[in-house]
Amino acid sequence: MDYQEGASLLPALQLAQSIADEYAALPTVAAVAIAGSQTTGLADAGSDIDLYVYSREPLPLEARRAIATGAASRAEVDNQFWEPGDEWVDAATGIHVDVMFRSPAWIEEQLDRVLRRCEASVGYSTCFWHNVLTSQVLYDAHGWFAALQAEARQPYPEPLRRAIVAKNHPILWQTLSSYRYQLDRAVAHDDPVSINHRVAALLASYFDILFAVNRLPHPGEKRLLAMAEARCPRRPVALRAQVTALLRASGEVSPRVVATAAALVAGLDALLREEALLP
């Protein structure tokens, strides 16, 4: 099924469809979908194309290489840093193409983990759910991906909401392994790298909780402030100011980073109490 916008496809989506058609010719491919900024209304002239190829068996590397290098000015095949993937820059348009390869069983397990078993992670608990929900199908051989999306379109499970808070809230500020405790130690040890690392981890858990409070799947790493302001009616009033203050403070080794983190967490705690998610 082609993803169209109005009467014609935009250049990025035209390119995405043509690439999807190449993968669709491979016999084990069940579906190809586009997600990311191209499907969430956040794309601009510099946005890349995020494609997800769902295959029942691993695709032959030479077939992948042929697709990746066929019209590229630069290509990287078989990246293994995160999900298995290929990346290239399309020579004609200059658009960066990022293709990730998944098995249907793997993504089904990711949905089962959150929607059926209601299991939380430390940060980004529901990002794969969000990815499926916001994908646009470019090829779907037998309707498998359409059925997966239909399953994903369900109300946010309350046990999952509470599990995400229970998993991520204690590590913000309460325990000996908490980010607050680690920030204190990093300041005492004059360790700016550790401060940066702990602030990033604190924000990952913070936003995991915030989107869960609003019963929204986590949208991933990018443009979180803008998405939270646009889509989370339940949020601390000073969210942007507090996050900005923390990021600025994280660039120095000073007790100020702990104080700004404390203000950010206090605002979240007040919201959690309003929602009866904290005593």
C-alpha atoms as a PDB file:
ATOM      1  CA  MET A   1       0.000   0.000   0.000  1.00  0.00           C
ATOM      2  CA  ASP A   2       1.486   3.330  -1.064  1.00  0.00           C
ATOM      3  CA  TYR A   3       1.720   6.233   1.381  1.00  0.00           C
ATOM      4  CA  GLN A   4       0.475   9.361  -0.396  1.00  0.00           C
ATOM      5  CA  GLU A   5       0.051  12.956   0.692  1.00  0.00           C
ATOM      6  CA  GLY A   6      -2.572  14.706  -1.400  1.00  0.00           C
ATOM      7  CA  ALA A   7      -2.404  14.073  -5.124  1.00  0.00           C
ATOM      8  CA  SER A   8       1.358  13.506  -5.269  1.00  0.00           C
ATOM      9  CA  LEU A   9       4.156  12.285  -3.081  1.00  0.00           C
ATOM     10  CA  LEU A  10       6.712  14.675  -1.668  1.00  0.00           C
ATOM     11  CA  PRO A  11      10.289  13.969  -2.844  1.00  0.00           C
ATOM     12  CA  ALA A  12      11.250  12.145   0.350  1.00  0.00           C
ATOM     13  CA  LEU A  13       8.162   9.961   0.214  1.00  0.00           C
ATOM     14  CA  GLN A  14       8.611   9.297  -3.495  1.00  0.00           C
ATOM     15  CA  LEU A  15      12.113   8.086  -2.719  1.00  0.00           C
ATOM     16  CA  ALA A  16      10.873   6.029   0.240  1.00  0.00           C
ATOM     17  CA  GLN A  17       8.284   4.290  -1.932  1.00  0.00           C
ATOM     18  CA  SER A  18      10.795   3.489  -4.654  1.00  0.00           C
ATOM     19  CA  ILE A  19      13.173   1.956  -2.093  1.00  0.00           C
ATOM     20  CA  ALA A  20      10.337   0.005  -0.497  1.00  0.00           C
ATOM     21  CA  ASP A  21       9.455  -1.406  -3.901  1.00  0.00           C
ATOM     22  CA  GLU A  22      12.989  -2.782  -4.205  1.00  0.00           C
ATOM     23  CA  TYR A  23      12.766  -4.544  -0.841  1.00  0.00           C
ATOM     24  CA  ALA A  24       9.277  -5.802  -1.682  1.00  0.00           C
ATOM     25  CA  ALA A  25      10.766  -7.799  -4.557  1.00  0.00           C
ATOM     26  CA  LEU A  26      12.714  -9.944  -2.064  1.00  0.00           C
ATOM     27  CA  PRO A  27      10.688 -13.084  -1.246  1.00  0.00           C
ATOM     28  CA  THR A  28      11.032 -13.099   2.558  1.00  0.00           C
ATOM     29  CA  VAL A  29       9.998  -9.461   3.099  1.00  0.00           C
ATOM     30  CA  ALA A  30       6.620  -9.237   4.830  1.00  0.00           C
ATOM     31  CA  ALA A  31       6.311  -5.463   5.088  1.00  0.00           C
ATOM     32  CA  VAL A  32       8.100  -2.149   4.649  1.00  0.00           C
ATOM     33  CA  ALA A  33       7.080   0.937   6.613  1.00  0.00           C
ATOM     34  CA  ILE A  34       8.250   4.510   7.001  1.00  0.00           C
ATOM     35  CA  ALA A  35       8.263   6.202  10.402  1.00  0.00           C
ATOM     36  CA  GLY A  36      10.023   9.030  12.225  1.00  0.00           C
ATOM     37  CA  SER A  37       9.649  12.700  11.378  1.00  0.00           C
ATOM     38  CA  GLN A  38       8.238  11.944   7.918  1.00  0.00           C
ATOM     39  CA  THR A  39       5.084  10.487   9.495  1.00  0.00           C
ATOM     40  CA  THR A  40       4.722  12.590  12.658  1.00  0.00           C
ATOM     41  CA  GLY A  41       4.457  16.009  11.010  1.00  0.00           C
ATOM     42  CA  LEU A  42       7.931  17.103  12.165  1.00  0.00           C
ATOM     43  CA  ALA A  43       9.862  16.684   8.913  1.00  0.00           C
ATOM     44  CA  ASP A  44      11.761  19.591   7.381  1.00  0.00           C
ATOM     45  CA  ALA A  45      14.078  19.975   4.416  1.00  0.00           C
ATOM     46  CA  GLY A  46      16.932  18.301   6.302  1.00  0.00           C
ATOM     47  CA  SER A  47      14.989  15.319   7.622  1.00  0.00           C
ATOM     48  CA  ASP A  48      16.096  11.831   6.729  1.00  0.00           C
ATOM     49  CA  ILE A  49      14.008   8.800   5.773  1.00  0.00           C
ATOM     50  CA  ASP A  50      13.578   6.083   8.406  1.00  0.00           C
ATOM     51  CA  LEU A  51      12.520   2.810   6.806  1.00  0.00           C
ATOM     52  CA  TYR A  52      11.714  -0.448   8.594  1.00  0.00           C
ATOM     53  CA  VAL A  53      11.972  -3.679   6.640  1.00  0.00           C
ATOM     54  CA  TYR A  54      10.235  -6.643   8.268  1.00  0.00           C
ATOM     55  CA  SER A  55      11.507  -9.940   6.937  1.00  0.00           C
ATOM     56  CA  ARG A  56      10.767 -13.520   7.963  1.00  0.00           C
ATOM     57  CA  GLU A  57      14.425 -14.422   7.330  1.00  0.00           C
ATOM     58  CA  PRO A  58      17.604 -12.307   7.346  1.00  0.00           C
ATOM     59  CA  LEU A  59      18.034 -10.703   3.943  1.00  0.00           C
ATOM     60  CA  PRO A  60      21.105 -11.678   1.898  1.00  0.00           C
ATOM     61  CA  LEU A  61      23.805  -9.097   2.419  1.00  0.00           C
ATOM     62  CA  GLU A  62      24.495  -8.799  -1.287  1.00  0.00           C
ATOM     63  CA  ALA A  63      20.839  -7.994  -1.991  1.00  0.00           C
ATOM     64  CA  ARG A  64      20.931  -5.317   0.681  1.00  0.00           C
ATOM     65  CA  ARG A  65      24.184  -3.948  -0.695  1.00  0.00           C
ATOM     66  CA  ALA A  66      22.733  -3.692  -4.196  1.00  0.00           C
ATOM     67  CA  ILE A  67      19.801  -1.622  -2.937  1.00  0.00           C
ATOM     68  CA  ALA A  68      21.928   0.584  -0.685  1.00  0.00           C
ATOM     69  CA  THR A  69      24.610   1.377  -3.240  1.00  0.00           C
ATOM     70  CA  GLY A  70      22.495   1.478  -6.384  1.00  0.00           C
ATOM     71  CA  ALA A  71      21.848   5.229  -6.340  1.00  0.00           C
ATOM     72  CA  ALA A  72      23.982   6.431  -3.430  1.00  0.00           C
ATOM     73  CA  SER A  73      26.762   8.978  -3.173  1.00  0.00           C
ATOM     74  CA  ARG A  74      27.854   7.305   0.052  1.00  0.00           C
ATOM     75  CA  ALA A  75      26.666   4.072   1.669  1.00  0.00           C
ATOM     76  CA  GLU A  76      27.250   1.998   4.790  1.00  0.00           C
ATOM     77  CA  VAL A  77      25.998  -1.590   4.709  1.00  0.00           C
ATOM     78  CA  ASP A  78      25.437  -3.916   7.672  1.00  0.00           C
ATOM     79  CA  ASN A  79      25.763  -1.451  10.520  1.00  0.00           C
ATOM     80  CA  GLN A  80      25.378  -3.283  13.827  1.00  0.00           C
ATOM     81  CA  PHE A  81      25.548  -0.404  16.320  1.00  0.00           C
ATOM     82  CA  TRP A  82      21.878  -0.551  17.342  1.00  0.00           C
ATOM     83  CA  GLU A  83      19.362  -2.432  15.231  1.00  0.00           C
ATOM     84  CA  PRO A  84      20.827  -4.119  12.140  1.00  0.00           C
ATOM     85  CA  GLY A  85      20.727  -1.565   9.372  1.00  0.00           C
ATOM     86  CA  ASP A  86      22.014   0.062   6.207  1.00  0.00           C
ATOM     87  CA  GLU A  87      22.428   3.787   5.593  1.00  0.00           C
ATOM     88  CA  TRP A  88      23.150   5.841   2.535  1.00  0.00           C
ATOM     89  CA  VAL A  89      22.861   9.289   0.989  1.00  0.00           C
ATOM     90  CA  ASP A  90      20.744   9.354  -2.149  1.00  0.00           C
ATOM     91  CA  ALA A  91      22.830  10.909  -4.913  1.00  0.00           C
ATOM     92  CA  ALA A  92      19.931  12.582  -6.731  1.00  0.00           C
ATOM     93  CA  THR A  93      18.254  14.264  -3.749  1.00  0.00           C
ATOM     94  CA  GLY A  94      20.916  14.340  -1.010  1.00  0.00           C
ATOM     95  CA  ILE A  95      18.405  12.692   1.342  1.00  0.00           C
ATOM     96  CA  HIS A  96      19.865  10.471   4.075  1.00  0.00           C
ATOM     97  CA  VAL A  97      18.202   7.052   4.066  1.00  0.00           C
ATOM     98  CA  ASP A  98      18.294   4.935   7.231  1.00  0.00           C
ATOM     99  CA  VAL A  99      16.964   1.377   6.880  1.00  0.00           C
ATOM    100  CA  MET A 100      16.478  -0.936   9.854  1.00  0.00           C
ATOM    101  CA  PHE A 101      15.817  -4.657   9.517  1.00  0.00           C
ATOM    102  CA  ARG A 102      13.460  -6.446  11.879  1.00  0.00           C
ATOM    103  CA  SER A 103      11.755  -9.789  12.088  1.00  0.00           C
ATOM    104  CA  PRO A 104       7.973  -9.852  12.549  1.00  0.00           C
ATOM    105  CA  ALA A 105       8.433 -12.010  15.665  1.00  0.00           C
ATOM    106  CA  TRP A 106      10.762  -9.438  17.237  1.00  0.00           C
ATOM    107  CA  ILE A 107       8.398  -6.482  16.898  1.00  0.00           C
ATOM    108  CA  GLU A 108       5.452  -8.619  18.022  1.00  0.00           C
ATOM    109  CA  GLU A 109       7.405  -9.402  21.194  1.00  0.00           C
ATOM    110  CA  GLN A 110       8.063  -5.685  21.782  1.00  0.00           C
ATOM    111  CA  LEU A 111       4.328  -5.002  21.674  1.00  0.00           C
ATOM    112  CA  ASP A 112       3.541  -8.014  23.859  1.00  0.00           C
ATOM    113  CA  ARG A 113       6.046  -6.767  26.431  1.00  0.00           C
ATOM    114  CA  VAL A 114       4.240  -3.474  26.960  1.00  0.00           C
ATOM    115  CA  LEU A 115       0.642  -4.099  25.914  1.00  0.00           C
ATOM    116  CA  ARG A 116       0.086  -7.559  27.385  1.00  0.00           C
ATOM    117  CA  ARG A 117       2.728  -8.028  30.084  1.00  0.00           C
ATOM    118  CA  CYS A 118       2.941  -4.315  30.968  1.00  0.00           C
ATOM    119  CA  GLU A 119       6.704  -4.429  31.494  1.00  0.00           C
ATOM    120  CA  ALA A 120       8.588  -1.150  31.879  1.00  0.00           C
ATOM    121  CA  SER A 121      12.183  -0.261  31.020  1.00  0.00           C
ATOM    122  CA  VAL A 122      14.547   2.319  32.464  1.00  0.00           C
ATOM    123  CA  GLY A 123      13.698   5.000  29.909  1.00  0.00           C
ATOM    124  CA  TYR A 124      11.975   4.661  26.521  1.00  0.00           C
ATOM    125  CA  SER A 125       9.595   1.932  27.720  1.00  0.00           C
ATOM    126  CA  THR A 126       7.052   2.344  24.935  1.00  0.00           C
ATOM    127  CA  CYS A 127       9.076   3.731  22.014  1.00  0.00           C
ATOM    128  CA  PHE A 128       8.566   0.649  19.799  1.00  0.00           C
ATOM    129  CA  TRP A 129       4.818   0.874  20.370  1.00  0.00           C
ATOM    130  CA  HIS A 130       4.974   4.496  19.231  1.00  0.00           C
ATOM    131  CA  ASN A 131       7.039   3.476  16.221  1.00  0.00           C
ATOM    132  CA  VAL A 132       4.425   0.963  15.073  1.00  0.00           C
ATOM    133  CA  LEU A 133       1.541   3.358  15.700  1.00  0.00           C
ATOM    134  CA  THR A 134       3.097   6.175  13.690  1.00  0.00           C
ATOM    135  CA  SER A 135       4.398   4.045  10.814  1.00  0.00           C
ATOM    136  CA  GLN A 136       2.941   4.404   7.353  1.00  0.00           C
ATOM    137  CA  VAL A 137       2.847   1.213   5.313  1.00  0.00           C
ATOM    138  CA  LEU A 138       4.675   1.207   1.982  1.00  0.00           C
ATOM    139  CA  TYR A 139       4.361  -2.536   1.391  1.00  0.00           C
ATOM    140  CA  ASP A 140       2.391  -5.170   3.263  1.00  0.00           C
ATOM    141  CA  ALA A 141       2.402  -8.532   1.466  1.00  0.00           C
ATOM    142  CA  HIS A 142      -0.416 -10.267   3.317  1.00  0.00           C
ATOM    143  CA  GLY A 143      -1.782  -7.609   5.700  1.00  0.00           C
ATOM    144  CA  TRP A 144       0.440  -8.648   8.614  1.00  0.00           C
ATOM    145  CA  PHE A 145       1.572  -5.101   9.417  1.00  0.00           C
ATOM    146  CA  ALA A 146      -1.956  -3.719   9.149  1.00  0.00           C
ATOM    147  CA  ALA A 147      -3.059  -6.314  11.722  1.00  0.00           C
ATOM    148  CA  LEU A 148      -0.124  -5.376  13.967  1.00  0.00           C
ATOM    149  CA  GLN A 149      -1.096  -1.705  13.828  1.00  0.00           C
ATOM    150  CA  ALA A 150      -4.716  -2.572  14.576  1.00  0.00           C
ATOM    151  CA  GLU A 151      -3.552  -4.388  17.705  1.00  0.00           C
ATOM    152  CA  ALA A 152      -1.369  -1.421  18.654  1.00  0.00           C
ATOM    153  CA  ARG A 153      -4.313   0.988  18.467  1.00  0.00           C
ATOM    154  CA  GLN A 154      -5.621   0.313  21.937  1.00  0.00           C
ATOM    155  CA  PRO A 155      -6.016   2.362  25.106  1.00  0.00           C
ATOM    156  CA  TYR A 156      -2.939   2.862  27.228  1.00  0.00           C
ATOM    157  CA  PRO A 157      -2.943   0.039  29.827  1.00  0.00           C
ATOM    158  CA  GLU A 158      -3.184   1.425  33.357  1.00  0.00           C
ATOM    159  CA  PRO A 159      -0.894  -1.333  34.750  1.00  0.00           C
ATOM    160  CA  LEU A 160       1.756  -0.252  32.222  1.00  0.00           C
ATOM    161  CA  ARG A 161       1.391   3.385  33.247  1.00  0.00           C
ATOM    162  CA  ARG A 162       1.956   2.474  36.876  1.00  0.00           C
ATOM    163  CA  ALA A 163       4.785   0.068  36.042  1.00  0.00           C
ATOM    164  CA  ILE A 164       6.695   2.817  34.219  1.00  0.00           C
ATOM    165  CA  VAL A 165       6.404   5.134  37.207  1.00  0.00           C
ATOM    166  CA  ALA A 166       7.392   2.341  39.605  1.00  0.00           C
ATOM    167  CA  LYS A 167      10.435   1.450  37.482  1.00  0.00           C
ATOM    168  CA  ASN A 168      11.706   4.936  36.699  1.00  0.00           C
ATOM    169  CA  HIS A 169      10.745   7.144  39.629  1.00  0.00           C
ATOM    170  CA  PRO A 170      12.918   5.611  42.387  1.00  0.00           C
ATOM    171  CA  ILE A 171      16.037   5.877  40.250  1.00  0.00           C
ATOM    172  CA  LEU A 172      15.493   9.604  39.782  1.00  0.00           C
ATOM    173  CA  TRP A 173      16.066  10.617  43.370  1.00  0.00           C
ATOM    174  CA  GLN A 174      15.425   8.025  46.049  1.00  0.00           C
ATOM    175  CA  THR A 175      17.870   5.118  45.932  1.00  0.00           C
ATOM    176  CA  LEU A 176      21.611   4.779  46.445  1.00  0.00           C
ATOM    177  CA  SER A 177      21.906   4.140  42.723  1.00  0.00           C
ATOM    178  CA  SER A 178      19.718   7.152  41.856  1.00  0.00           C
ATOM    179  CA  TYR A 179      20.778   9.851  39.456  1.00  0.00           C
ATOM    180  CA  ARG A 180      20.710  12.401  42.278  1.00  0.00           C
ATOM    181  CA  TYR A 181      23.182  10.305  44.301  1.00  0.00           C
ATOM    182  CA  GLN A 182      25.391   9.821  41.243  1.00  0.00           C
ATOM    183  CA  LEU A 183      25.297  13.538  40.415  1.00  0.00           C
ATOM    184  CA  ASP A 184      26.365  14.373  43.962  1.00  0.00           C
ATOM    185  CA  ARG A 185      29.320  12.027  43.621  1.00  0.00           C
ATOM    186  CA  ALA A 186      30.242  13.319  40.179  1.00  0.00           C
ATOM    187  CA  VAL A 187      30.355  16.902  41.470  1.00  0.00           C
ATOM    188  CA  ALA A 188      32.431  15.830  44.472  1.00  0.00           C
ATOM    189  CA  HIS A 189      34.877  13.990  42.203  1.00  0.00           C
ATOM    190  CA  ASP A 190      35.088  16.861  39.664  1.00  0.00           C
ATOM    191  CA  ASP A 191      33.827  14.539  36.936  1.00  0.00           C
ATOM    192  CA  PRO A 192      32.097  16.486  34.134  1.00  0.00           C
ATOM    193  CA  VAL A 193      31.725  13.435  31.882  1.00  0.00           C
ATOM    194  CA  SER A 194      29.792  11.563  34.566  1.00  0.00           C
ATOM    195  CA  ILE A 195      27.580  14.626  35.135  1.00  0.00           C
ATOM    196  CA  ASN A 196      26.687  14.697  31.449  1.00  0.00           C
ATOM    197  CA  HIS A 197      25.944  10.969  31.443  1.00  0.00           C
ATOM    198  CA  ARG A 198      23.757  11.078  34.551  1.00  0.00           C
ATOM    199  CA  VAL A 199      21.771  14.108  33.361  1.00  0.00           C
ATOM    200  CA  ALA A 200      21.009  12.373  30.063  1.00  0.00           C
ATOM    201  CA  ALA A 201      19.859   9.236  31.912  1.00  0.00           C
ATOM    202  CA  LEU A 202      17.743  11.285  34.326  1.00  0.00           C
ATOM    203  CA  LEU A 203      15.980  12.976  31.410  1.00  0.00           C
ATOM    204  CA  ALA A 204      15.347   9.619  29.734  1.00  0.00           C
ATOM    205  CA  SER A 205      13.503   8.346  32.810  1.00  0.00           C
ATOM    206  CA  TYR A 206      11.818  11.706  33.387  1.00  0.00           C
ATOM    207  CA  PHE A 207      10.252  11.780  29.928  1.00  0.00           C
ATOM    208  CA  ASP A 208       9.370   8.087  30.123  1.00  0.00           C
ATOM    209  CA  ILE A 209       7.288   8.942  33.190  1.00  0.00           C
ATOM    210  CA  LEU A 210       5.833  12.125  31.705  1.00  0.00           C
ATOM    211  CA  PHE A 211       4.509  10.441  28.553  1.00  0.00           C
ATOM    212  CA  ALA A 212       3.165   7.553  30.642  1.00  0.00           C
ATOM    213  CA  VAL A 213       1.311   9.984  32.920  1.00  0.00           C
ATOM    214  CA  ASN A 214      -0.363  11.349  29.795  1.00  0.00           C
ATOM    215  CA  ARG A 215      -1.089   7.826  28.525  1.00  0.00           C
ATOM    216  CA  LEU A 216       1.012   8.397  25.419  1.00  0.00           C
ATOM    217  CA  PRO A 217       3.613   6.037  23.950  1.00  0.00           C
ATOM    218  CA  HIS A 218       7.137   7.461  24.183  1.00  0.00           C
ATOM    219  CA  PRO A 219       8.084   9.166  20.868  1.00  0.00           C
ATOM    220  CA  GLY A 220      11.833   8.478  21.066  1.00  0.00           C
ATOM    221  CA  GLU A 221      14.890  10.672  21.511  1.00  0.00           C
ATOM    222  CA  LYS A 222      14.248  13.700  19.323  1.00  0.00           C
ATOM    223  CA  ARG A 223      12.292  16.936  19.939  1.00  0.00           C
ATOM    224  CA  LEU A 224      10.982  15.723  23.271  1.00  0.00           C
ATOM    225  CA  LEU A 225      10.333  19.168  24.717  1.00  0.00           C
ATOM    226  CA  ALA A 226       8.315  20.277  21.700  1.00  0.00           C
ATOM    227  CA  MET A 227       6.355  17.023  21.630  1.00  0.00           C
ATOM    228  CA  ALA A 228       5.666  17.112  25.360  1.00  0.00           C
ATOM    229  CA  GLU A 229       4.417  20.696  25.140  1.00  0.00           C
ATOM    230  CA  ALA A 230       2.210  19.879  22.155  1.00  0.00           C
ATOM    231  CA  ARG A 231       0.821  16.533  23.312  1.00  0.00           C
ATOM    232  CA  CYS A 232       1.019  16.308  27.107  1.00  0.00           C
ATOM    233  CA  PRO A 233      -1.725  18.380  28.757  1.00  0.00           C
ATOM    234  CA  ARG A 234      -0.590  17.026  32.130  1.00  0.00           C
ATOM    235  CA  ARG A 235       2.899  18.435  32.608  1.00  0.00           C
ATOM    236  CA  PRO A 236       4.780  20.691  35.021  1.00  0.00           C
ATOM    237  CA  VAL A 237       4.108  24.343  34.254  1.00  0.00           C
ATOM    238  CA  ALA A 238       7.824  25.188  34.174  1.00  0.00           C
ATOM    239  CA  LEU A 239       8.837  22.150  32.111  1.00  0.00           C
ATOM    240  CA  ARG A 240      10.822  23.936  29.398  1.00  0.00           C
ATOM    241  CA  ALA A 241      12.504  26.361  31.787  1.00  0.00           C
ATOM    242  CA  GLN A 242      13.490  23.573  34.181  1.00  0.00           C
ATOM    243  CA  VAL A 243      14.858  21.267  31.476  1.00  0.00           C
ATOM    244  CA  THR A 244      16.783  24.151  29.901  1.00  0.00           C
ATOM    245  CA  ALA A 245      18.230  25.146  33.283  1.00  0.00           C
ATOM    246  CA  LEU A 246      19.363  21.580  33.952  1.00  0.00           C
ATOM    247  CA  LEU A 247      21.055  21.256  30.565  1.00  0.00           C
ATOM    248  CA  ARG A 248      22.883  24.523  31.078  1.00  0.00           C
ATOM    249  CA  ALA A 249      23.985  23.527  34.565  1.00  0.00           C
ATOM    250  CA  SER A 250      25.239  20.177  33.303  1.00  0.00           C
ATOM    251  CA  GLY A 251      28.001  21.965  31.410  1.00  0.00           C
ATOM    252  CA  GLU A 252      29.816  22.847  34.623  1.00  0.00           C
ATOM    253  CA  VAL A 253      30.998  20.995  37.699  1.00  0.00           C
ATOM    254  CA  SER A 254      28.930  22.675  40.379  1.00  0.00           C
ATOM    255  CA  PRO A 255      26.297  21.847  43.015  1.00  0.00           C
ATOM    256  CA  ARG A 256      23.970  23.889  40.795  1.00  0.00           C
ATOM    257  CA  VAL A 257      23.414  20.849  38.598  1.00  0.00           C
ATOM    258  CA  VAL A 258      22.000  18.963  41.587  1.00  0.00           C
ATOM    259  CA  ALA A 259      19.775  21.889  42.570  1.00  0.00           C
ATOM    260  CA  THR A 260      18.329  22.287  39.062  1.00  0.00           C
ATOM    261  CA  ALA A 261      17.755  18.530  38.810  1.00  0.00           C
ATOM    262  CA  ALA A 262      15.963  18.681  42.154  1.00  0.00           C
ATOM    263  CA  ALA A 263      13.635  21.421  40.869  1.00  0.00           C
ATOM    264  CA  LEU A 264      12.837  19.389  37.761  1.00  0.00           C
ATOM    265  CA  VAL A 265      12.048  16.248  39.747  1.00  0.00           C
ATOM    266  CA  ALA A 266       9.986  18.208  42.299  1.00  0.00           C
ATOM    267  CA  GLY A 267       7.722  19.450  39.519  1.00  0.00           C
ATOM    268  CA  LEU A 268       7.248  15.900  38.273  1.00  0.00           C
ATOM    269  CA  ASP A 269       6.548  14.653  41.801  1.00  0.00           C
ATOM    270  CA  ALA A 270       3.791  17.226  42.226  1.00  0.00           C
ATOM    271  CA  LEU A 271       2.214  16.039  38.987  1.00  0.00           C
ATOM    272  CA  LEU A 272       2.450  12.380  40.067  1.00  0.00           C
ATOM    273  CA  ARG A 273       0.713  13.176  43.345  1.00  0.00           C
ATOM    274  CA  GLU A 274      -2.075  14.954  41.476  1.00  0.00           C
ATOM    275  CA  GLU A 275      -2.481  11.793  39.387  1.00  0.00           C
ATOM    276  CA  ALA A 276      -2.436   9.579  42.509  1.00  0.00           C
ATOM    277  CA  LEU A 277       0.695   7.857  41.192  1.00  0.00           C
ATOM    278  CA  LEU A 278       2.731   8.816  44.262  1.00  0.00           C
ATOM    279  CA  PRO A 279       1.623   8.793  47.895  1.00  0.00           C
END
